[in-house]
Protein backbone atom coordinates (compact mmCIF):
# COMPACT_ATOMS: atom_id res chain seq x y z
CA GLY A 1 -2.03 22.80 7.42
CA HIS A 2 -1.88 21.91 4.05
CA THR A 3 -2.81 24.50 1.23
CA THR A 4 -5.85 22.32 0.13
CA GLN A 5 -6.74 20.65 3.26
CA LYS A 6 -10.23 19.60 3.47
CA PRO A 7 -12.59 19.38 6.89
CA ILE A 8 -12.06 15.90 8.05
CA LYS A 9 -15.90 15.54 8.84
CA LEU A 10 -16.44 16.17 5.11
CA ILE A 11 -14.00 13.35 4.06
CA GLU A 12 -15.44 11.10 6.75
CA ASP A 13 -19.05 11.82 5.44
CA LEU A 14 -18.00 10.99 1.95
CA ILE A 15 -16.17 7.72 3.03
CA LEU A 16 -19.08 6.49 4.88
CA LYS A 17 -21.66 6.95 2.13
CA HIS A 18 -19.43 5.29 -0.66
CA SER A 19 -17.56 2.47 0.91
CA ASN A 20 -17.83 -0.37 3.53
CA GLU A 21 -15.76 -1.22 6.44
CA ASP A 22 -12.55 -3.03 5.73
CA GLU A 23 -12.64 -1.55 1.84
CA VAL A 24 -9.68 0.20 0.46
CA ILE A 25 -9.59 3.85 -0.20
CA LEU A 26 -7.20 5.25 -2.63
CA ASP A 27 -5.99 8.93 -2.38
CA PRO A 28 -3.47 9.67 -5.27
CA PHE A 29 -2.71 12.96 -3.58
CA ILE A 30 -2.90 12.49 0.09
CA GLY A 31 -1.23 15.75 1.27
CA SER A 32 -1.28 16.11 4.79
CA GLY A 33 -3.07 12.95 5.48
CA THR A 34 -6.89 13.93 6.01
CA THR A 35 -8.16 10.93 3.98
CA GLY A 36 -6.07 8.63 5.73
CA GLU A 37 -7.00 9.91 9.20
CA ALA A 38 -10.75 9.59 8.20
CA CYS A 39 -10.23 6.03 6.97
CA VAL A 40 -8.69 5.03 10.15
CA LYS A 41 -11.58 6.46 12.15
CA THR A 42 -14.16 4.89 9.94
CA LYS A 43 -12.46 1.32 9.76
CA ARG A 44 -11.35 1.67 6.19
CA ASN A 45 -7.84 0.80 4.65
CA PHE A 46 -6.25 3.33 2.50
CA ILE A 47 -3.54 3.69 -0.02
CA GLY A 48 -2.03 7.30 -0.17
CA ILE A 49 0.43 8.66 -2.78
CA GLU A 50 2.49 11.77 -2.22
CA SER A 51 5.69 12.98 -3.75
CA ASP A 52 6.21 16.03 -1.48
CA ILE A 53 8.29 15.30 1.56
CA GLU A 54 6.85 17.82 3.62
CA SER A 55 3.16 16.34 3.19
CA ILE A 56 4.78 12.93 4.17
CA GLU A 57 5.99 14.46 7.38
CA MET A 58 2.47 15.87 7.92
CA CYS A 59 1.02 12.51 7.56
CA LYS A 60 3.55 10.95 10.04
CA LYS A 61 2.57 13.74 12.59
CA ARG A 62 -0.98 12.40 12.42
CA GLY A 63 0.18 8.91 13.31
CA LEU A 64 -0.31 7.55 9.93
CA ASN A 65 1.98 4.78 8.92
CA ILE A 66 3.62 5.97 5.83
CA TRP A 67 6.12 4.08 3.71
CA ARG A 68 8.31 6.09 1.27
CA GLU A 69 10.24 4.93 -1.64
CA ARG A 70 13.50 6.85 -2.57
């Protein structure tokens, strides 16, 4: 859990309504990775930006491929 985590079903519905498969979704505050997980499930690519190391670790636990610049 992240302090402002949204239900994955809500994010999936938004992604399906406002994008097409193989498009790229940008989440400038990816937090725990709900948007990234929803993108994977709906066959979208994603770019997530996050500065909090604990949030990045949550994304990794969800199986999201995260790259971190130091």
